[in-house]
Amino acid sequence: MPTIQMTTLPHPDHRSGPPLLRETLGTVLRGLRGETGRTLRDVADAARVSPGYLSEIERGRKEASSELLASISGALDVSLGEILIRAAFEVSPPGTVSPHCTDSSKGTDSSPGSVSPREPVLAA
């Protein structure tokens, strides 16, 4: 069962209020790329997108379509669900959302911070 480490990533702080989803997704994507030590060009080539456009997405300047997010997640070798769970964790006020999953094949809950690919649930 894959384990996801939840860490708070820095958000651009150029305005008040919650970060935009595109900024959060970009921060998550850049963080995942950094965790794997891959270059922008390497991931862009694997996702079949230009490095410049991927950079714009990572900086929260461009919206990524669902198809492009799927392509980038494949290039990073992570599920789209993992990206969305990390983004949800980042945009939620502290203490309101904790990563939580139920493994329906075993009828057991996984510990907070680890995510089963079966039934991800964000518990409030």
PDB file of N, CA and C in Angstrom:
ATOM      1  N   MET A   1       0.846  -1.161   0.000  1.00  0.00           N
ATOM      2  CA  MET A   1       0.000   0.000   0.000  1.00  0.00           C
ATOM      3  C   MET A   1       0.901   1.235   0.000  1.00  0.00           C
ATOM      4  N   PRO A   2       0.756   2.147  -0.977  1.00  0.00           N
ATOM      5  CA  PRO A   2       1.623   3.322  -1.035  1.00  0.00           C
ATOM      6  C   PRO A   2       1.356   4.270   0.131  1.00  0.00           C
ATOM      7  N   THR A   3       2.385   4.947   0.552  1.00  0.00           N
ATOM      8  CA  THR A   3       2.275   5.903   1.641  1.00  0.00           C
ATOM      9  C   THR A   3       2.520   7.298   1.100  1.00  0.00           C
ATOM     10  N   ILE A   4       1.673   8.226   1.500  1.00  0.00           N
ATOM     11  CA  ILE A   4       1.823   9.622   1.106  1.00  0.00           C
ATOM     12  C   ILE A   4       2.222  10.406   2.343  1.00  0.00           C
ATOM     13  N   GLN A   5       3.304  11.131   2.246  1.00  0.00           N
ATOM     14  CA  GLN A   5       3.702  12.005   3.334  1.00  0.00           C
ATOM     15  C   GLN A   5       3.074  13.364   3.082  1.00  0.00           C
ATOM     16  N   MET A   6       2.329  13.858   4.044  1.00  0.00           N
ATOM     17  CA  MET A   6       1.680  15.153   3.908  1.00  0.00           C
ATOM     18  C   MET A   6       2.571  16.219   4.531  1.00  0.00           C
ATOM     19  N   THR A   7       2.945  17.184   3.734  1.00  0.00           N
ATOM     20  CA  THR A   7       3.723  18.300   4.238  1.00  0.00           C
ATOM     21  C   THR A   7       3.088  19.578   3.742  1.00  0.00           C
ATOM     22  N   THR A   8       3.226  20.622   4.495  1.00  0.00           N
ATOM     23  CA  THR A   8       2.697  21.899   4.065  1.00  0.00           C
ATOM     24  C   THR A   8       3.693  22.544   3.122  1.00  0.00           C
ATOM     25  N   LEU A   9       3.208  22.875   1.941  1.00  0.00           N
ATOM     26  CA  LEU A   9       4.052  23.496   0.929  1.00  0.00           C
ATOM     27  C   LEU A   9       3.807  24.998   0.923  1.00  0.00           C
ATOM     28  N   PRO A  10       4.815  25.783   0.594  1.00  0.00           N
ATOM     29  CA  PRO A  10       4.616  27.231   0.558  1.00  0.00           C
ATOM     30  C   PRO A  10       3.692  27.627  -0.589  1.00  0.00           C
ATOM     31  N   HIS A  11       2.850  28.607  -0.329  1.00  0.00           N
ATOM     32  CA  HIS A  11       1.958  29.133  -1.356  1.00  0.00           C
ATOM     33  C   HIS A  11       2.383  30.558  -1.698  1.00  0.00           C
ATOM     34  N   PRO A  12       2.173  30.968  -2.934  1.00  0.00           N
ATOM     35  CA  PRO A  12       2.430  32.372  -3.259  1.00  0.00           C
ATOM     36  C   PRO A  12       1.554  33.252  -2.370  1.00  0.00           C
ATOM     37  N   ASP A  13       2.125  34.242  -1.745  1.00  0.00           N
ATOM     38  CA  ASP A  13       1.381  35.070  -0.797  1.00  0.00           C
ATOM     39  C   ASP A  13       1.220  36.478  -1.351  1.00  0.00           C
ATOM     40  N   HIS A  14       0.608  36.586  -2.530  1.00  0.00           N
ATOM     41  CA  HIS A  14       0.477  37.888  -3.163  1.00  0.00           C
ATOM     42  C   HIS A  14      -0.885  38.515  -2.945  1.00  0.00           C
ATOM     43  N   ARG A  15      -1.783  37.843  -2.230  1.00  0.00           N
ATOM     44  CA  ARG A  15      -3.095  38.398  -1.951  1.00  0.00           C
ATOM     45  C   ARG A  15      -3.636  37.722  -0.701  1.00  0.00           C
ATOM     46  N   SER A  16      -4.686  38.309  -0.137  1.00  0.00           N
ATOM     47  CA  SER A  16      -5.303  37.673   1.029  1.00  0.00           C
ATOM     48  C   SER A  16      -6.289  36.611   0.565  1.00  0.00           C
ATOM     49  N   GLY A  17      -6.686  35.763   1.475  1.00  0.00           N
ATOM     50  CA  GLY A  17      -7.635  34.712   1.135  1.00  0.00           C
ATOM     51  C   GLY A  17      -6.937  33.423   0.785  1.00  0.00           C
ATOM     52  N   PRO A  18      -7.747  32.405   0.545  1.00  0.00           N
ATOM     53  CA  PRO A  18      -7.163  31.094   0.234  1.00  0.00           C
ATOM     54  C   PRO A  18      -6.476  31.096  -1.125  1.00  0.00           C
ATOM     55  N   PRO A  19      -5.512  30.210  -1.302  1.00  0.00           N
ATOM     56  CA  PRO A  19      -4.831  30.138  -2.600  1.00  0.00           C
ATOM     57  C   PRO A  19      -5.786  29.618  -3.669  1.00  0.00           C
ATOM     58  N   LEU A  20      -5.529  29.983  -4.888  1.00  0.00           N
ATOM     59  CA  LEU A  20      -6.307  29.466  -6.006  1.00  0.00           C
ATOM     60  C   LEU A  20      -5.958  28.002  -6.223  1.00  0.00           C
ATOM     61  N   LEU A  21      -6.904  27.242  -6.747  1.00  0.00           N
ATOM     62  CA  LEU A  21      -6.663  25.826  -6.998  1.00  0.00           C
ATOM     63  C   LEU A  21      -5.492  25.636  -7.954  1.00  0.00           C
ATOM     64  N   ARG A  22      -5.383  26.467  -8.977  1.00  0.00           N
ATOM     65  CA  ARG A  22      -4.276  26.301  -9.930  1.00  0.00           C
ATOM     66  C   ARG A  22      -2.927  26.523  -9.253  1.00  0.00           C
ATOM     67  N   GLU A  23      -2.872  27.443  -8.275  1.00  0.00           N
ATOM     68  CA  GLU A  23      -1.626  27.663  -7.540  1.00  0.00           C
ATOM     69  C   GLU A  23      -1.292  26.453  -6.670  1.00  0.00           C
ATOM     70  N   THR A  24      -2.301  25.926  -6.007  1.00  0.00           N
ATOM     71  CA  THR A  24      -2.082  24.772  -5.141  1.00  0.00           C
ATOM     72  C   THR A  24      -1.669  23.553  -5.949  1.00  0.00           C
ATOM     73  N   LEU A  25      -2.364  23.289  -7.049  1.00  0.00           N
ATOM     74  CA  LEU A  25      -1.989  22.158  -7.900  1.00  0.00           C
ATOM     75  C   LEU A  25      -0.566  22.322  -8.419  1.00  0.00           C
ATOM     76  N   GLY A  26      -0.219  23.534  -8.817  1.00  0.00           N
ATOM     77  CA  GLY A  26       1.134  23.787  -9.298  1.00  0.00           C
ATOM     78  C   GLY A  26       2.181  23.527  -8.234  1.00  0.00           C
ATOM     79  N   THR A  27       1.895  23.967  -7.019  1.00  0.00           N
ATOM     80  CA  THR A  27       2.817  23.746  -5.910  1.00  0.00           C
ATOM     81  C   THR A  27       2.973  22.257  -5.624  1.00  0.00           C
ATOM     82  N   VAL A  28       1.865  21.526  -5.656  1.00  0.00           N
ATOM     83  CA  VAL A  28       1.905  20.080  -5.427  1.00  0.00           C
ATOM     84  C   VAL A  28       2.709  19.395  -6.528  1.00  0.00           C
ATOM     85  N   LEU A  29       2.456  19.764  -7.782  1.00  0.00           N
ATOM     86  CA  LEU A  29       3.179  19.147  -8.901  1.00  0.00           C
ATOM     87  C   LEU A  29       4.675  19.422  -8.809  1.00  0.00           C
ATOM     88  N   ARG A  30       5.034  20.654  -8.507  1.00  0.00           N
ATOM     89  CA  ARG A  30       6.454  20.994  -8.380  1.00  0.00           C
ATOM     90  C   ARG A  30       7.085  20.232  -7.219  1.00  0.00           C
ATOM     91  N   GLY A  31       6.350  20.106  -6.115  1.00  0.00           N
ATOM     92  CA  GLY A  31       6.858  19.353  -4.972  1.00  0.00           C
ATOM     93  C   GLY A  31       7.081  17.884  -5.304  1.00  0.00           C
ATOM     94  N   LEU A  32       6.127  17.283  -6.020  1.00  0.00           N
ATOM     95  CA  LEU A  32       6.281  15.884  -6.424  1.00  0.00           C
ATOM     96  C   LEU A  32       7.468  15.715  -7.363  1.00  0.00           C
ATOM     97  N   ARG A  33       7.625  16.642  -8.279  1.00  0.00           N
ATOM     98  CA  ARG A  33       8.764  16.572  -9.203  1.00  0.00           C
ATOM     99  C   ARG A  33      10.070  16.683  -8.426  1.00  0.00           C
ATOM    100  N   GLY A  34      10.108  17.579  -7.455  1.00  0.00           N
ATOM    101  CA  GLY A  34      11.303  17.734  -6.630  1.00  0.00           C
ATOM    102  C   GLY A  34      11.606  16.509  -5.786  1.00  0.00           C
ATOM    103  N   GLU A  35      10.546  15.861  -5.267  1.00  0.00           N
ATOM    104  CA  GLU A  35      10.740  14.653  -4.460  1.00  0.00           C
ATOM    105  C   GLU A  35      11.404  13.540  -5.261  1.00  0.00           C
ATOM    106  N   THR A  36      11.129  13.493  -6.546  1.00  0.00           N
ATOM    107  CA  THR A  36      11.700  12.439  -7.389  1.00  0.00           C
ATOM    108  C   THR A  36      13.024  12.852  -8.016  1.00  0.00           C
ATOM    109  N   GLY A  37      13.406  14.120  -7.853  1.00  0.00           N
ATOM    110  CA  GLY A  37      14.663  14.592  -8.409  1.00  0.00           C
ATOM    111  C   GLY A  37      14.648  14.730  -9.923  1.00  0.00           C
ATOM    112  N   ARG A  38      13.471  14.827 -10.507  1.00  0.00           N
ATOM    113  CA  ARG A  38      13.354  14.920 -11.965  1.00  0.00           C
ATOM    114  C   ARG A  38      13.420  16.374 -12.407  1.00  0.00           C
ATOM    115  N   THR A  39      13.925  16.580 -13.605  1.00  0.00           N
ATOM    116  CA  THR A  39      14.002  17.931 -14.145  1.00  0.00           C
ATOM    117  C   THR A  39      12.678  18.312 -14.789  1.00  0.00           C
ATOM    118  N   LEU A  40      12.480  19.602 -14.934  1.00  0.00           N
ATOM    119  CA  LEU A  40      11.289  20.114 -15.601  1.00  0.00           C
ATOM    120  C   LEU A  40      11.206  19.555 -17.018  1.00  0.00           C
ATOM    121  N   ARG A  41      12.313  19.565 -17.721  1.00  0.00           N
ATOM    122  CA  ARG A  41      12.328  19.066 -19.105  1.00  0.00           C
ATOM    123  C   ARG A  41      11.981  17.578 -19.170  1.00  0.00           C
ATOM    124  N   ASP A  42      12.520  16.796 -18.256  1.00  0.00           N
ATOM    125  CA  ASP A  42      12.250  15.358 -18.231  1.00  0.00           C
ATOM    126  C   ASP A  42      10.757  15.081 -18.050  1.00  0.00           C
ATOM    127  N   VAL A  43      10.138  15.735 -17.077  1.00  0.00           N
ATOM    128  CA  VAL A  43       8.709  15.524 -16.825  1.00  0.00           C
ATOM    129  C   VAL A  43       7.881  16.069 -17.978  1.00  0.00           C
ATOM    130  N   ALA A  44       8.262  17.219 -18.503  1.00  0.00           N
ATOM    131  CA  ALA A  44       7.529  17.798 -19.632  1.00  0.00           C
ATOM    132  C   ALA A  44       7.570  16.867 -20.841  1.00  0.00           C
ATOM    133  N   ASP A  45       8.734  16.321 -21.135  1.00  0.00           N
ATOM    134  CA  ASP A  45       8.851  15.385 -22.262  1.00  0.00           C
ATOM    135  C   ASP A  45       7.975  14.158 -22.050  1.00  0.00           C
ATOM    136  N   ALA A  46       8.008  13.607 -20.840  1.00  0.00           N
ATOM    137  CA  ALA A  46       7.217  12.411 -20.544  1.00  0.00           C
ATOM    138  C   ALA A  46       5.717  12.703 -20.597  1.00  0.00           C
ATOM    139  N   ALA A  47       5.327  13.920 -20.222  1.00  0.00           N
ATOM    140  CA  ALA A  47       3.913  14.307 -20.227  1.00  0.00           C
ATOM    141  C   ALA A  47       3.470  14.849 -21.585  1.00  0.00           C
ATOM    142  N   ARG A  48       4.421  15.006 -22.488  1.00  0.00           N
ATOM    143  CA  ARG A  48       4.142  15.529 -23.833  1.00  0.00           C
ATOM    144  C   ARG A  48       3.572  16.951 -23.791  1.00  0.00           C
ATOM    145  N   VAL A  49       4.266  17.799 -23.019  1.00  0.00           N
ATOM    146  CA  VAL A  49       3.913  19.206 -22.898  1.00  0.00           C
ATOM    147  C   VAL A  49       5.220  19.989 -22.945  1.00  0.00           C
ATOM    148  N   SER A  50       5.170  21.232 -23.365  1.00  0.00           N
ATOM    149  CA  SER A  50       6.406  22.006 -23.426  1.00  0.00           C
ATOM    150  C   SER A  50       6.895  22.330 -22.016  1.00  0.00           C
ATOM    151  N   PRO A  51       8.217  22.406 -21.833  1.00  0.00           N
ATOM    152  CA  PRO A  51       8.747  22.763 -20.510  1.00  0.00           C
ATOM    153  C   PRO A  51       8.232  24.123 -20.032  1.00  0.00           C
ATOM    154  N   GLY A  52       8.088  25.060 -20.946  1.00  0.00           N
ATOM    155  CA  GLY A  52       7.586  26.382 -20.572  1.00  0.00           C
ATOM    156  C   GLY A  52       6.168  26.332 -20.034  1.00  0.00           C
ATOM    157  N   TYR A  53       5.323  25.528 -20.673  1.00  0.00           N
ATOM    158  CA  TYR A  53       3.935  25.416 -20.223  1.00  0.00           C
ATOM    159  C   TYR A  53       3.864  24.696 -18.877  1.00  0.00           C
ATOM    160  N   LEU A  54       4.658  23.640 -18.711  1.00  0.00           N
ATOM    161  CA  LEU A  54       4.688  22.945 -17.423  1.00  0.00           C
ATOM    162  C   LEU A  54       5.166  23.893 -16.324  1.00  0.00           C
ATOM    163  N   SER A  55       6.140  24.715 -16.625  1.00  0.00           N
ATOM    164  CA  SER A  55       6.621  25.690 -15.657  1.00  0.00           C
ATOM    165  C   SER A  55       5.507  26.664 -15.263  1.00  0.00           C
ATOM    166  N   GLU A  56       4.727  27.111 -16.241  1.00  0.00           N
ATOM    167  CA  GLU A  56       3.601  28.015 -15.967  1.00  0.00           C
ATOM    168  C   GLU A  56       2.576  27.334 -15.059  1.00  0.00           C
ATOM    169  N   ILE A  57       2.327  26.053 -15.296  1.00  0.00           N
ATOM    170  CA  ILE A  57       1.387  25.296 -14.459  1.00  0.00           C
ATOM    171  C   ILE A  57       1.942  25.182 -13.044  1.00  0.00           C
ATOM    172  N   GLU A  58       3.211  24.824 -12.916  1.00  0.00           N
ATOM    173  CA  GLU A  58       3.826  24.674 -11.593  1.00  0.00           C
ATOM    174  C   GLU A  58       3.833  25.983 -10.816  1.00  0.00           C
ATOM    175  N   ARG A  59       3.912  27.098 -11.505  1.00  0.00           N
ATOM    176  CA  ARG A  59       3.914  28.402 -10.832  1.00  0.00           C
ATOM    177  C   ARG A  59       2.507  28.937 -10.594  1.00  0.00           C
ATOM    178  N   GLY A  60       1.486  28.159 -10.994  1.00  0.00           N
ATOM    179  CA  GLY A  60       0.103  28.565 -10.764  1.00  0.00           C
ATOM    180  C   GLY A  60      -0.388  29.636 -11.700  1.00  0.00           C
ATOM    181  N   ARG A  61       0.288  29.815 -12.816  1.00  0.00           N
ATOM    182  CA  ARG A  61      -0.097  30.859 -13.776  1.00  0.00           C
ATOM    183  C   ARG A  61      -1.053  30.350 -14.846  1.00  0.00           C
ATOM    184  N   LYS A  62      -1.064  29.044 -15.064  1.00  0.00           N
ATOM    185  CA  LYS A  62      -1.937  28.429 -16.075  1.00  0.00           C
ATOM    186  C   LYS A  62      -2.766  27.333 -15.428  1.00  0.00           C
ATOM    187  N   GLU A  63      -4.002  27.195 -15.906  1.00  0.00           N
ATOM    188  CA  GLU A  63      -4.877  26.095 -15.478  1.00  0.00           C
ATOM    189  C   GLU A  63      -4.514  24.865 -16.296  1.00  0.00           C
ATOM    190  N   ALA A  64      -4.433  23.729 -15.646  1.00  0.00           N
ATOM    191  CA  ALA A  64      -4.175  22.473 -16.354  1.00  0.00           C
ATOM    192  C   ALA A  64      -5.501  21.747 -16.547  1.00  0.00           C
ATOM    193  N   SER A  65      -5.753  21.279 -17.755  1.00  0.00           N
ATOM    194  CA  SER A  65      -6.959  20.490 -18.016  1.00  0.00           C
ATOM    195  C   SER A  65      -6.852  19.150 -17.297  1.00  0.00           C
ATOM    196  N   SER A  66      -7.978  18.465 -17.169  1.00  0.00           N
ATOM    197  CA  SER A  66      -7.950  17.148 -16.525  1.00  0.00           C
ATOM    198  C   SER A  66      -7.086  16.180 -17.320  1.00  0.00           C
ATOM    199  N   GLU A  67      -7.109  16.300 -18.645  1.00  0.00           N
ATOM    200  CA  GLU A  67      -6.276  15.434 -19.480  1.00  0.00           C
ATOM    201  C   GLU A  67      -4.797  15.704 -19.245  1.00  0.00           C
ATOM    202  N   LEU A  68      -4.440  16.979 -19.143  1.00  0.00           N
ATOM    203  CA  LEU A  68      -3.042  17.326 -18.912  1.00  0.00           C
ATOM    204  C   LEU A  68      -2.599  16.902 -17.511  1.00  0.00           C
ATOM    205  N   LEU A  69      -3.473  17.085 -16.511  1.00  0.00           N
ATOM    206  CA  LEU A  69      -3.129  16.619 -15.162  1.00  0.00           C
ATOM    207  C   LEU A  69      -2.895  15.114 -15.148  1.00  0.00           C
ATOM    208  N   ALA A  70      -3.718  14.375 -15.878  1.00  0.00           N
ATOM    209  CA  ALA A  70      -3.532  12.920 -15.958  1.00  0.00           C
ATOM    210  C   ALA A  70      -2.202  12.585 -16.617  1.00  0.00           C
ATOM    211  N   SER A  71      -1.846  13.325 -17.654  1.00  0.00           N
ATOM    212  CA  SER A  71      -0.583  13.094 -18.346  1.00  0.00           C
ATOM    213  C   SER A  71       0.611  13.412 -17.439  1.00  0.00           C
ATOM    214  N   ILE A  72       0.510  14.513 -16.711  1.00  0.00           N
ATOM    215  CA  ILE A  72       1.591  14.899 -15.796  1.00  0.00           C
ATOM    216  C   ILE A  72       1.700  13.892 -14.653  1.00  0.00           C
ATOM    217  N   SER A  73       0.560  13.448 -14.126  1.00  0.00           N
ATOM    218  CA  SER A  73       0.613  12.466 -13.036  1.00  0.00           C
ATOM    219  C   SER A  73       1.263  11.172 -13.514  1.00  0.00           C
ATOM    220  N   GLY A  74       0.961  10.767 -14.752  1.00  0.00           N
ATOM    221  CA  GLY A  74       1.609   9.585 -15.309  1.00  0.00           C
ATOM    222  C   GLY A  74       3.105   9.785 -15.465  1.00  0.00           C
ATOM    223  N   ALA A  75       3.493  10.976 -15.907  1.00  0.00           N
ATOM    224  CA  ALA A  75       4.916  11.279 -16.068  1.00  0.00           C
ATOM    225  C   ALA A  75       5.643  11.261 -14.724  1.00  0.00           C
ATOM    226  N   LEU A  76       4.935  11.659 -13.662  1.00  0.00           N
ATOM    227  CA  LEU A  76       5.522  11.663 -12.317  1.00  0.00           C
ATOM    228  C   LEU A  76       5.386  10.313 -11.622  1.00  0.00           C
ATOM    229  N   ASP A  77       4.675   9.395 -12.263  1.00  0.00           N
ATOM    230  CA  ASP A  77       4.436   8.055 -11.719  1.00  0.00           C
ATOM    231  C   ASP A  77       3.700   8.100 -10.384  1.00  0.00           C
ATOM    232  N   VAL A  78       2.712   8.989 -10.298  1.00  0.00           N
ATOM    233  CA  VAL A  78       1.807   9.060  -9.148  1.00  0.00           C
ATOM    234  C   VAL A  78       0.383   9.101  -9.686  1.00  0.00           C
ATOM    235  N   SER A  79      -0.561   8.718  -8.865  1.00  0.00           N
ATOM    236  CA  SER A  79      -1.950   8.738  -9.320  1.00  0.00           C
ATOM    237  C   SER A  79      -2.492  10.164  -9.300  1.00  0.00           C
ATOM    238  N   LEU A  80      -3.467  10.391 -10.144  1.00  0.00           N
ATOM    239  CA  LEU A  80      -4.150  11.680 -10.138  1.00  0.00           C
ATOM    240  C   LEU A  80      -4.807  11.892  -8.776  1.00  0.00           C
ATOM    241  N   GLY A  81      -5.311  10.815  -8.188  1.00  0.00           N
ATOM    242  CA  GLY A  81      -5.913  10.905  -6.857  1.00  0.00           C
ATOM    243  C   GLY A  81      -4.946  11.415  -5.808  1.00  0.00           C
ATOM    244  N   GLU A  82      -3.691  10.964  -5.863  1.00  0.00           N
ATOM    245  CA  GLU A  82      -2.688  11.433  -4.902  1.00  0.00           C
ATOM    246  C   GLU A  82      -2.472  12.933  -5.051  1.00  0.00           C
ATOM    247  N   ILE A  83      -2.411  13.403  -6.282  1.00  0.00           N
ATOM    248  CA  ILE A  83      -2.237  14.840  -6.517  1.00  0.00           C
ATOM    249  C   ILE A  83      -3.418  15.610  -5.938  1.00  0.00           C
ATOM    250  N   LEU A  84      -4.631  15.133  -6.187  1.00  0.00           N
ATOM    251  CA  LEU A  84      -5.823  15.823  -5.700  1.00  0.00           C
ATOM    252  C   LEU A  84      -5.934  15.777  -4.181  1.00  0.00           C
ATOM    253  N   ILE A  85      -5.542  14.660  -3.578  1.00  0.00           N
ATOM    254  CA  ILE A  85      -5.561  14.563  -2.114  1.00  0.00           C
ATOM    255  C   ILE A  85      -4.576  15.557  -1.510  1.00  0.00           C
ATOM    256  N   ARG A  86      -3.390  15.637  -2.068  1.00  0.00           N
ATOM    257  CA  ARG A  86      -2.401  16.607  -1.559  1.00  0.00           C
ATOM    258  C   ARG A  86      -2.917  18.034  -1.721  1.00  0.00           C
ATOM    259  N   ALA A  87      -3.541  18.324  -2.854  1.00  0.00           N
ATOM    260  CA  ALA A  87      -4.076  19.669  -3.079  1.00  0.00           C
ATOM    261  C   ALA A  87      -5.196  19.971  -2.086  1.00  0.00           C
ATOM    262  N   ALA A  88      -6.084  19.014  -1.844  1.00  0.00           N
ATOM    263  CA  ALA A  88      -7.174  19.217  -0.883  1.00  0.00           C
ATOM    264  C   ALA A  88      -6.622  19.471   0.513  1.00  0.00           C
ATOM    265  N   PHE A  89      -5.601  18.731   0.879  1.00  0.00           N
ATOM    266  CA  PHE A  89      -4.967  18.910   2.184  1.00  0.00           C
ATOM    267  C   PHE A  89      -4.385  20.321   2.301  1.00  0.00           C
ATOM    268  N   GLU A  90      -3.792  20.799   1.231  1.00  0.00           N
ATOM    269  CA  GLU A  90      -3.148  22.118   1.246  1.00  0.00           C
ATOM    270  C   GLU A  90      -4.143  23.269   1.333  1.00  0.00           C
ATOM    271  N   VAL A  91      -5.297  23.165   0.683  1.00  0.00           N
ATOM    272  CA  VAL A  91      -6.240  24.284   0.660  1.00  0.00           C
ATOM    273  C   VAL A  91      -7.177  24.291   1.860  1.00  0.00           C
ATOM    274  N   SER A  92      -7.174  23.241   2.654  1.00  0.00           N
ATOM    275  CA  SER A  92      -8.067  23.154   3.806  1.00  0.00           C
ATOM    276  C   SER A  92      -7.474  23.889   4.994  1.00  0.00           C
ATOM    277  N   PRO A  93      -8.328  24.573   5.765  1.00  0.00           N
ATOM    278  CA  PRO A  93      -7.820  25.225   6.972  1.00  0.00           C
ATOM    279  C   PRO A  93      -7.184  24.198   7.907  1.00  0.00           C
ATOM    280  N   PRO A  94      -6.147  24.591   8.636  1.00  0.00           N
ATOM    281  CA  PRO A  94      -5.464  23.660   9.534  1.00  0.00           C
ATOM    282  C   PRO A  94      -6.445  22.982  10.490  1.00  0.00           C
ATOM    283  N   GLY A  95      -6.301  21.675  10.616  1.00  0.00           N
ATOM    284  CA  GLY A  95      -7.116  20.914  11.545  1.00  0.00           C
ATOM    285  C   GLY A  95      -8.490  20.511  11.041  1.00  0.00           C
ATOM    286  N   THR A  96      -8.864  20.924   9.833  1.00  0.00           N
ATOM    287  CA  THR A  96     -10.205  20.594   9.351  1.00  0.00           C
ATOM    288  C   THR A  96     -10.249  19.364   8.468  1.00  0.00           C
ATOM    289  N   VAL A  97      -9.150  19.022   7.844  1.00  0.00           N
ATOM    290  CA  VAL A  97      -9.113  17.856   6.966  1.00  0.00           C
ATOM    291  C   VAL A  97      -7.890  17.039   7.314  1.00  0.00           C
ATOM    292  N   SER A  98      -8.100  15.752   7.461  1.00  0.00           N
ATOM    293  CA  SER A  98      -6.962  14.866   7.659  1.00  0.00           C
ATOM    294  C   SER A  98      -7.044  13.762   6.628  1.00  0.00           C
ATOM    295  N   PRO A  99      -5.922  13.394   6.056  1.00  0.00           N
ATOM    296  CA  PRO A  99      -5.942  12.311   5.080  1.00  0.00           C
ATOM    297  C   PRO A  99      -6.324  11.018   5.780  1.00  0.00           C
ATOM    298  N   HIS A 100      -7.273  10.307   5.224  1.00  0.00           N
ATOM    299  CA  HIS A 100      -7.782   9.093   5.851  1.00  0.00           C
ATOM    300  C   HIS A 100      -8.306   8.183   4.759  1.00  0.00           C
ATOM    301  N   CYS A 101      -7.995   6.920   4.836  1.00  0.00           N
ATOM    302  CA  CYS A 101      -8.480   5.974   3.836  1.00  0.00           C
ATOM    303  C   CYS A 101      -8.982   4.718   4.500  1.00  0.00           C
ATOM    304  N   THR A 102      -9.921   4.095   3.831  1.00  0.00           N
ATOM    305  CA  THR A 102     -10.408   2.800   4.255  1.00  0.00           C
ATOM    306  C   THR A 102     -10.013   1.797   3.199  1.00  0.00           C
ATOM    307  N   ASP A 103      -9.396   0.729   3.625  1.00  0.00           N
ATOM    308  CA  ASP A 103      -9.048  -0.340   2.698  1.00  0.00           C
ATOM    309  C   ASP A 103     -10.202  -1.333   2.724  1.00  0.00           C
ATOM    310  N   SER A 104     -11.086  -1.243   1.739  1.00  0.00           N
ATOM    311  CA  SER A 104     -12.294  -2.063   1.737  1.00  0.00           C
ATOM    312  C   SER A 104     -11.993  -3.544   1.579  1.00  0.00           C
ATOM    313  N   SER A 105     -10.835  -3.888   1.040  1.00  0.00           N
ATOM    314  CA  SER A 105     -10.509  -5.301   0.873  1.00  0.00           C
ATOM    315  C   SER A 105     -10.206  -5.969   2.210  1.00  0.00           C
ATOM    316  N   LYS A 106      -9.793  -5.161   3.202  1.00  0.00           N
ATOM    317  CA  LYS A 106      -9.446  -5.711   4.510  1.00  0.00           C
ATOM    318  C   LYS A 106     -10.399  -5.242   5.599  1.00  0.00           C
ATOM    319  N   GLY A 107     -11.204  -4.223   5.282  1.00  0.00           N
ATOM    320  CA  GLY A 107     -12.111  -3.685   6.283  1.00  0.00           C
ATOM    321  C   GLY A 107     -11.401  -2.929   7.379  1.00  0.00           C
ATOM    322  N   THR A 108     -10.211  -2.408   7.086  1.00  0.00           N
ATOM    323  CA  THR A 108      -9.440  -1.686   8.094  1.00  0.00           C
ATOM    324  C   THR A 108      -9.141  -0.288   7.611  1.00  0.00           C
ATOM    325  N   ASP A 109      -8.886   0.580   8.558  1.00  0.00           N
ATOM    326  CA  ASP A 109      -8.483   1.937   8.230  1.00  0.00           C
ATOM    327  C   ASP A 109      -6.972   2.014   8.218  1.00  0.00           C
ATOM    328  N   SER A 110      -6.456   2.820   7.325  1.00  0.00           N
ATOM    329  CA  SER A 110      -5.020   3.070   7.337  1.00  0.00           C
ATOM    330  C   SER A 110      -4.756   4.234   8.269  1.00  0.00           C
ATOM    331  N   SER A 111      -3.540   4.369   8.709  1.00  0.00           N
ATOM    332  CA  SER A 111      -3.202   5.445   9.623  1.00  0.00           C
ATOM    333  C   SER A 111      -3.192   6.772   8.888  1.00  0.00           C
ATOM    334  N   PRO A 112      -3.456   7.884   9.615  1.00  0.00           N
ATOM    335  CA  PRO A 112      -3.393   9.193   8.973  1.00  0.00           C
ATOM    336  C   PRO A 112      -2.026   9.405   8.340  1.00  0.00           C
ATOM    337  N   GLY A 113      -2.039   9.970   7.168  1.00  0.00           N
ATOM    338  CA  GLY A 113      -0.795  10.221   6.461  1.00  0.00           C
ATOM    339  C   GLY A 113      -0.461   9.153   5.457  1.00  0.00           C
ATOM    340  N   SER A 114      -1.134   8.006   5.521  1.00  0.00           N
ATOM    341  CA  SER A 114      -0.930   6.991   4.494  1.00  0.00           C
ATOM    342  C   SER A 114      -2.241   6.796   3.761  1.00  0.00           C
ATOM    343  N   VAL A 115      -2.146   6.628   2.471  1.00  0.00           N
ATOM    344  CA  VAL A 115      -3.340   6.583   1.643  1.00  0.00           C
ATOM    345  C   VAL A 115      -3.380   5.298   0.863  1.00  0.00           C
ATOM    346  N   SER A 116      -4.492   4.615   0.954  1.00  0.00           N
ATOM    347  CA  SER A 116      -4.715   3.405   0.178  1.00  0.00           C
ATOM    348  C   SER A 116      -5.239   3.785  -1.191  1.00  0.00           C
ATOM    349  N   PRO A 117      -4.844   3.082  -2.230  1.00  0.00           N
ATOM    350  CA  PRO A 117      -5.351   3.419  -3.551  1.00  0.00           C
ATOM    351  C   PRO A 117      -6.803   2.994  -3.739  1.00  0.00           C
ATOM    352  N   ARG A 118      -7.400   2.337  -2.746  1.00  0.00           N
ATOM    353  CA  ARG A 118      -8.739   1.792  -2.917  1.00  0.00           C
ATOM    354  C   ARG A 118      -9.839   2.831  -2.729  1.00  0.00           C
ATOM    355  N   GLU A 119      -9.985   3.379  -1.556  1.00  0.00           N
ATOM    356  CA  GLU A 119     -11.070   4.301  -1.273  1.00  0.00           C
ATOM    357  C   GLU A 119     -10.567   5.503  -0.493  1.00  0.00           C
ATOM    358  N   PRO A 120      -9.980   6.486  -1.159  1.00  0.00           N
ATOM    359  CA  PRO A 120      -9.513   7.660  -0.423  1.00  0.00           C
ATOM    360  C   PRO A 120     -10.691   8.464   0.112  1.00  0.00           C
ATOM    361  N   VAL A 121     -10.596   8.866   1.354  1.00  0.00           N
ATOM    362  CA  VAL A 121     -11.634   9.651   1.998  1.00  0.00           C
ATOM    363  C   VAL A 121     -10.947  10.790   2.716  1.00  0.00           C
ATOM    364  N   LEU A 122     -11.437  11.997   2.545  1.00  0.00           N
ATOM    365  CA  LEU A 122     -10.931  13.117   3.323  1.00  0.00           C
ATOM    366  C   LEU A 122     -11.896  13.316   4.473  1.00  0.00           C
ATOM    367  N   ALA A 123     -11.462  13.007   5.664  1.00  0.00           N
ATOM    368  CA  ALA A 123     -12.318  13.095   6.838  1.00  0.00           C
ATOM    369  C   ALA A 123     -12.193  14.468   7.463  1.00  0.00           C
ATOM    370  N   ALA A 124     -13.310  15.064   7.767  1.00  0.00           N
ATOM    371  CA  ALA A 124     -13.306  16.386   8.396  1.00  0.00           C
ATOM    372  C   ALA A 124     -13.330  16.245   9.892  1.00  0.00           C
TER     373      ALA A 124
END
